[in-house]
């Protein structure tokens, strides 16, 4: 919040409106502080990994060595930059009755939003009607759901050059995902309850940004992907950073509750090499 913004709040005559404006301003300022603190920690970590001492980093930043060491361990985790910056919106399907093919677990949106808030983000959950187009040309979107739920999600996933939904053969009701280059199809199965989740950062339809997508082949898969984000976020950020990517996640879950017991990477984190993934616009907002 700038000095002019503060002056405008101070000039509001109605006390209740002034209180609301000040409260909103404090929340916005705190979000900015969280974002900048995360970026600062990430840069310090990167420079230190490149061989810079804390003393040298402090001298470059105009801070003491002790202060640099202190701020490198305080504030939101640097790996939160995996989600980008700014306010985030979690998109989930609105299921009014019955079961819908491709729908995530009903708790997936709330659980992901809670994780994002723990990481210092402002996060809201927004619903969309299955079968309808979705406006994906917005910053900070994380969609939970598969291609069966919306033509917009189907178009988004079609941009993945590495992983794609496998065509179900006659007599095989199990859905799967094909690794095109490896010529292998991954399907849920095994002696224990097991599902597969797809996690990707893909280009938006307008080409001016990206959208993060979580798609479990069955409801437990979506919860498993969120569990992996909570437990292995540093690994994902190290391997994907803010590039376009896709990966499959193996999820073992409790048969009676559908809750994930274990979630781990099933494939490597595949970075998608394309000119768009390196553009300044896309680097700025993923």
Protein backbone atom coordinates (compact mmCIF):
# COMPACT_ATOMS: atom_id res chain seq x y z
CA UNK A 1 0.00 0.00 0.00
CA UNK A 2 1.49 3.34 -1.10
CA UNK A 3 1.45 6.62 0.86
CA UNK A 4 -1.36 7.84 -1.42
CA UNK A 5 -3.43 4.74 -0.56
CA UNK A 6 -2.91 5.38 3.15
CA UNK A 7 -3.95 9.00 2.72
CA UNK A 8 -7.15 7.93 0.93
CA UNK A 9 -8.03 5.55 3.78
CA UNK A 10 -7.28 8.27 6.37
CA UNK A 11 -9.61 10.66 4.53
CA UNK A 12 -12.66 8.34 4.65
CA UNK A 13 -15.21 10.08 6.84
CA UNK A 14 -17.38 7.12 7.80
CA UNK A 15 -15.60 5.33 10.66
CA UNK A 16 -16.88 1.86 9.76
CA UNK A 17 -15.85 2.26 6.13
CA UNK A 18 -12.47 3.60 7.25
CA UNK A 19 -12.06 0.52 9.48
CA UNK A 20 -12.94 -1.82 6.61
CA UNK A 21 -10.56 -0.06 4.23
CA UNK A 22 -7.74 -0.13 6.78
CA UNK A 23 -8.34 -3.83 7.48
CA UNK A 24 -8.28 -4.64 3.76
CA UNK A 25 -5.12 -2.58 3.38
CA UNK A 26 -3.36 -4.41 6.20
CA UNK A 27 -4.27 -7.78 4.62
CA UNK A 28 -2.97 -6.66 1.21
CA UNK A 29 0.23 -5.30 2.75
CA UNK A 30 0.81 -8.54 4.67
CA UNK A 31 0.35 -10.54 1.47
CA UNK A 32 2.94 -8.34 -0.26
CA UNK A 33 5.33 -8.85 2.66
CA UNK A 34 4.84 -12.62 2.43
CA UNK A 35 5.55 -12.61 -1.30
CA UNK A 36 8.68 -10.47 -1.02
CA UNK A 37 9.99 -12.46 1.95
CA UNK A 38 9.56 -15.69 -0.01
CA UNK A 39 11.42 -14.23 -3.01
CA UNK A 40 14.22 -12.92 -0.76
CA UNK A 41 14.67 -16.32 0.91
CA UNK A 42 14.75 -18.02 -2.49
CA UNK A 43 17.41 -15.67 -3.85
CA UNK A 44 19.57 -16.06 -0.75
CA UNK A 45 19.29 -19.85 -1.06
CA UNK A 46 20.22 -19.74 -4.76
CA UNK A 47 23.23 -17.47 -4.21
CA UNK A 48 24.44 -19.57 -1.28
CA UNK A 49 24.15 -22.71 -3.43
CA UNK A 50 26.29 -20.96 -6.05
CA UNK A 51 29.05 -20.49 -3.48
CA UNK A 52 28.30 -17.03 -2.11
CA UNK A 53 28.98 -16.63 1.61
CA UNK A 54 26.38 -14.98 3.84
CA UNK A 55 28.85 -12.14 4.34
CA UNK A 56 29.10 -11.54 0.59
CA UNK A 57 25.32 -11.74 0.14
CA UNK A 58 24.86 -9.32 3.03
CA UNK A 59 27.32 -6.85 1.55
CA UNK A 60 25.50 -6.96 -1.80
CA UNK A 61 22.11 -6.44 -0.12
CA UNK A 62 23.27 -3.81 2.35
CA UNK A 63 22.65 -6.10 5.33
CA UNK A 64 24.92 -7.70 7.90
CA UNK A 65 25.97 -11.32 7.65
CA UNK A 66 23.99 -12.12 10.78
CA UNK A 67 20.86 -10.48 9.37
CA UNK A 68 21.14 -12.35 6.06
CA UNK A 69 21.49 -15.63 7.94
CA UNK A 70 18.44 -14.73 10.03
CA UNK A 71 16.13 -13.80 7.15
CA UNK A 72 17.21 -16.87 5.18
CA UNK A 73 15.36 -19.03 7.72
CA UNK A 74 12.30 -16.87 8.44
CA UNK A 75 9.06 -16.35 6.55
CA UNK A 76 7.21 -18.37 3.89
CA UNK A 77 9.11 -21.32 2.43
CA UNK A 78 10.95 -20.49 -0.83
CA UNK A 79 9.54 -23.61 -2.51
CA UNK A 80 6.13 -21.96 -2.35
CA UNK A 81 7.25 -20.14 -5.51
CA UNK A 82 6.24 -23.38 -7.26
CA UNK A 83 2.71 -21.92 -7.17
CA UNK A 84 3.81 -18.50 -8.47
CA UNK A 85 2.85 -15.33 -6.65
CA UNK A 86 -0.23 -13.31 -5.84
CA UNK A 87 -3.70 -14.53 -4.93
CA UNK A 88 -4.55 -18.08 -6.00
CA UNK A 89 -7.88 -19.59 -7.07
CA UNK A 90 -8.61 -23.31 -6.75
CA UNK A 91 -11.17 -24.47 -9.34
CA UNK A 92 -13.26 -27.54 -8.51
CA UNK A 93 -16.39 -29.02 -10.12
CA UNK A 94 -19.76 -28.37 -8.50
CA UNK A 95 -21.29 -31.80 -7.95
CA UNK A 96 -24.96 -31.34 -7.13
CA UNK A 97 -25.99 -34.99 -6.93
CA UNK A 98 -24.67 -38.46 -7.65
CA UNK A 99 -21.21 -39.37 -8.94
CA UNK A 100 -19.61 -37.62 -11.90
CA UNK A 101 -16.89 -39.28 -13.98
CA UNK A 102 -13.55 -37.58 -13.46
CA UNK A 103 -14.65 -35.64 -10.35
CA UNK A 104 -12.08 -35.26 -7.57
CA UNK A 105 -12.68 -36.02 -3.91
CA UNK A 106 -15.17 -33.46 -2.50
CA UNK A 107 -12.57 -32.35 0.07
CA UNK A 108 -9.79 -31.75 -2.48
CA UNK A 109 -10.44 -28.05 -3.10
CA UNK A 110 -10.67 -27.13 0.57
CA UNK A 111 -7.63 -29.21 1.45
CA UNK A 112 -5.50 -27.59 -1.26
CA UNK A 113 -6.65 -24.09 -0.26
CA UNK A 114 -5.65 -24.82 3.34
CA UNK A 115 -2.19 -25.92 2.20
CA UNK A 116 -1.77 -22.76 0.13
CA UNK A 117 -2.75 -20.57 3.09
CA UNK A 118 -0.22 -22.39 5.26
CA UNK A 119 2.39 -21.46 2.65
CA UNK A 120 1.43 -17.79 2.99
CA UNK A 121 -0.88 -17.37 -0.01
CA UNK A 122 -4.32 -15.85 -0.25
CA UNK A 123 -6.38 -18.72 -1.67
CA UNK A 124 -10.06 -19.09 -2.53
CA UNK A 125 -12.09 -22.03 -3.84
CA UNK A 126 -14.30 -21.48 -6.90
CA UNK A 127 -16.67 -24.00 -8.48
CA UNK A 128 -17.57 -24.69 -12.10
CA UNK A 129 -20.41 -26.71 -13.62
CA UNK A 130 -19.31 -30.03 -15.19
CA UNK A 131 -19.66 -30.13 -18.95
CA UNK A 132 -19.39 -26.36 -19.35
CA UNK A 133 -16.47 -24.28 -20.63
CA UNK A 134 -14.26 -22.63 -17.99
CA UNK A 135 -12.44 -19.31 -18.20
CA UNK A 136 -8.84 -20.44 -17.74
CA UNK A 137 -7.31 -17.20 -18.99
CA UNK A 138 -6.77 -15.81 -15.49
CA UNK A 139 -3.72 -15.54 -13.27
CA UNK A 140 -3.19 -17.82 -10.31
CA UNK A 141 -5.47 -20.71 -11.31
CA UNK A 142 -5.15 -24.26 -10.01
CA UNK A 143 -7.77 -26.58 -11.52
CA UNK A 144 -8.69 -29.90 -9.92
CA UNK A 145 -10.38 -32.30 -12.32
CA UNK A 146 -9.99 -34.20 -15.55
CA UNK A 147 -10.88 -33.86 -19.23
CA UNK A 148 -14.29 -35.50 -18.68
CA UNK A 149 -15.41 -32.48 -16.63
CA UNK A 150 -15.00 -29.64 -19.13
CA UNK A 151 -14.00 -29.06 -22.76
CA UNK A 152 -11.67 -26.36 -21.42
CA UNK A 153 -9.77 -28.85 -19.28
CA UNK A 154 -9.69 -31.30 -22.19
CA UNK A 155 -8.09 -28.61 -24.37
CA UNK A 156 -5.63 -27.71 -21.61
CA UNK A 157 -4.44 -31.30 -21.14
CA UNK A 158 -4.13 -31.82 -24.90
CA UNK A 159 -1.19 -29.38 -24.84
CA UNK A 160 0.93 -31.86 -22.85
CA UNK A 161 3.58 -33.24 -25.24
CA UNK A 162 4.60 -36.08 -22.92
CA UNK A 163 1.62 -37.54 -21.02
CA UNK A 164 -1.90 -38.17 -22.30
CA UNK A 165 -4.99 -40.12 -21.35
CA UNK A 166 -4.82 -43.66 -22.73
CA UNK A 167 -7.59 -44.93 -24.96
CA UNK A 168 -9.55 -47.62 -23.14
CA UNK A 169 -9.56 -50.91 -25.01
CA UNK A 170 -12.66 -53.02 -25.35
CA UNK A 171 -13.25 -55.05 -22.21
CA UNK A 172 -10.85 -52.90 -20.11
CA UNK A 173 -12.75 -50.41 -17.95
CA UNK A 174 -9.64 -49.11 -16.24
CA UNK A 175 -8.58 -45.64 -17.26
CA UNK A 176 -4.89 -44.92 -17.68
CA UNK A 177 -2.30 -42.35 -18.73
CA UNK A 178 0.25 -42.93 -21.47
CA UNK A 179 3.86 -41.80 -21.36
CA UNK A 180 4.28 -41.16 -25.10
CA UNK A 181 8.07 -41.24 -25.32
CA UNK A 182 8.43 -44.25 -23.02
CA UNK A 183 5.55 -46.00 -24.83
CA UNK A 184 4.10 -47.11 -21.53
CA UNK A 185 0.58 -46.88 -20.12
CA UNK A 186 0.13 -46.44 -16.38
CA UNK A 187 -3.11 -47.73 -14.85
CA UNK A 188 -4.27 -48.06 -11.24
CA UNK A 189 -4.03 -51.56 -9.86
CA UNK A 190 -2.15 -53.94 -7.62
CA UNK A 191 -2.84 -55.93 -4.46
CA UNK A 192 -3.47 -52.74 -2.41
CA UNK A 193 -5.85 -49.85 -3.19
CA UNK A 194 -3.87 -47.72 -5.59
CA UNK A 195 -4.60 -44.75 -7.82
CA UNK A 196 -2.71 -42.47 -10.19
CA UNK A 197 -2.77 -38.67 -10.25
CA UNK A 198 -1.65 -36.32 -12.98
CA UNK A 199 0.02 -33.03 -12.01
CA UNK A 200 1.01 -30.48 -14.64
CA UNK A 201 1.65 -26.84 -15.38
CA UNK A 202 0.28 -26.17 -18.86
CA UNK A 203 -0.12 -23.13 -21.13
CA UNK A 204 -3.36 -21.20 -20.88
CA UNK A 205 -5.52 -21.02 -24.02
CA UNK A 206 -4.61 -17.36 -24.55
CA UNK A 207 -0.87 -18.12 -24.40
CA UNK A 208 -0.31 -15.39 -21.81
CA UNK A 209 0.28 -17.53 -18.76
CA UNK A 210 -0.14 -21.00 -17.34
CA UNK A 211 -2.54 -23.08 -15.26
CA UNK A 212 -1.65 -25.74 -12.71
CA UNK A 213 -3.76 -28.89 -13.04
CA UNK A 214 -4.40 -31.79 -10.65
CA UNK A 215 -6.28 -34.80 -12.03
CA UNK A 216 -6.72 -38.06 -10.14
CA UNK A 217 -8.01 -40.97 -12.18
CA UNK A 218 -10.29 -41.62 -9.20
CA UNK A 219 -11.18 -39.41 -6.18
CA UNK A 220 -8.35 -40.70 -3.91
CA UNK A 221 -5.83 -39.67 -6.57
CA UNK A 222 -6.65 -35.98 -6.19
CA UNK A 223 -6.08 -36.16 -2.42
CA UNK A 224 -2.84 -38.06 -3.03
CA UNK A 225 -1.55 -35.32 -5.33
CA UNK A 226 -2.28 -32.72 -2.65
CA UNK A 227 -0.51 -34.88 -0.09
CA UNK A 228 2.56 -34.96 -2.35
CA UNK A 229 2.43 -31.17 -2.70
CA UNK A 230 2.42 -30.92 1.08
CA UNK A 231 5.28 -33.37 1.65
CA UNK A 232 7.50 -33.11 -1.45
CA UNK A 233 7.03 -29.51 -2.58
CA UNK A 234 10.74 -28.72 -2.33
CA UNK A 235 11.53 -31.63 -4.66
CA UNK A 236 8.88 -30.57 -7.16
CA UNK A 237 10.10 -26.98 -7.15
CA UNK A 238 13.71 -28.08 -7.58
CA UNK A 239 12.84 -30.22 -10.60
CA UNK A 240 10.11 -28.15 -12.25
CA UNK A 241 10.74 -24.61 -10.94
CA UNK A 242 8.32 -22.38 -12.87
CA UNK A 243 8.62 -24.25 -16.17
CA UNK A 244 5.88 -26.08 -18.01
CA UNK A 245 5.95 -29.69 -16.80
CA UNK A 246 3.94 -32.83 -16.13
CA UNK A 247 4.36 -35.81 -13.81
CA UNK A 248 2.42 -38.84 -12.62
CA UNK A 249 1.94 -39.59 -8.93
CA UNK A 250 1.38 -43.03 -7.41
CA UNK A 251 -1.16 -42.95 -4.59
CA UNK A 252 -1.80 -45.73 -2.10
CA UNK A 253 -4.97 -45.16 -0.11
CA UNK A 254 -7.15 -46.62 2.62
CA UNK A 255 -9.96 -48.62 1.05
CA UNK A 256 -12.52 -47.73 3.74
CA UNK A 257 -11.91 -43.96 3.87
CA UNK A 258 -10.33 -43.12 0.50
CA UNK A 259 -7.64 -41.18 2.37
CA UNK A 260 -4.12 -41.37 0.90
CA UNK A 261 -1.65 -43.40 2.94
CA UNK A 262 1.33 -42.79 0.68
CA UNK A 263 2.02 -40.63 -2.36
CA UNK A 264 5.21 -40.60 -4.43
CA UNK A 265 6.47 -39.73 -7.89
CA UNK A 266 5.62 -42.45 -10.40
CA UNK A 267 7.49 -40.87 -13.32
CA UNK A 268 10.23 -38.29 -13.62
CA UNK A 269 9.14 -34.66 -13.58
CA UNK A 270 9.03 -34.00 -17.32
CA UNK A 271 9.85 -30.41 -18.26
CA UNK A 272 8.22 -29.31 -21.49
CA UNK A 273 10.69 -27.63 -23.76
CA UNK A 274 8.98 -24.86 -25.71
CA UNK A 275 9.68 -21.20 -26.54
CA UNK A 276 6.56 -20.14 -24.60
CA UNK A 277 7.82 -21.71 -21.39
CA UNK A 278 10.78 -19.32 -21.41
CA UNK A 279 8.91 -16.13 -22.30
CA UNK A 280 9.01 -13.21 -19.83
CA UNK A 281 5.22 -13.24 -19.59
CA UNK A 282 5.06 -16.85 -18.50
CA UNK A 283 8.04 -16.60 -16.19
CA UNK A 284 6.31 -13.76 -14.40
CA UNK A 285 3.11 -15.62 -13.57
CA UNK A 286 2.92 -19.36 -13.10
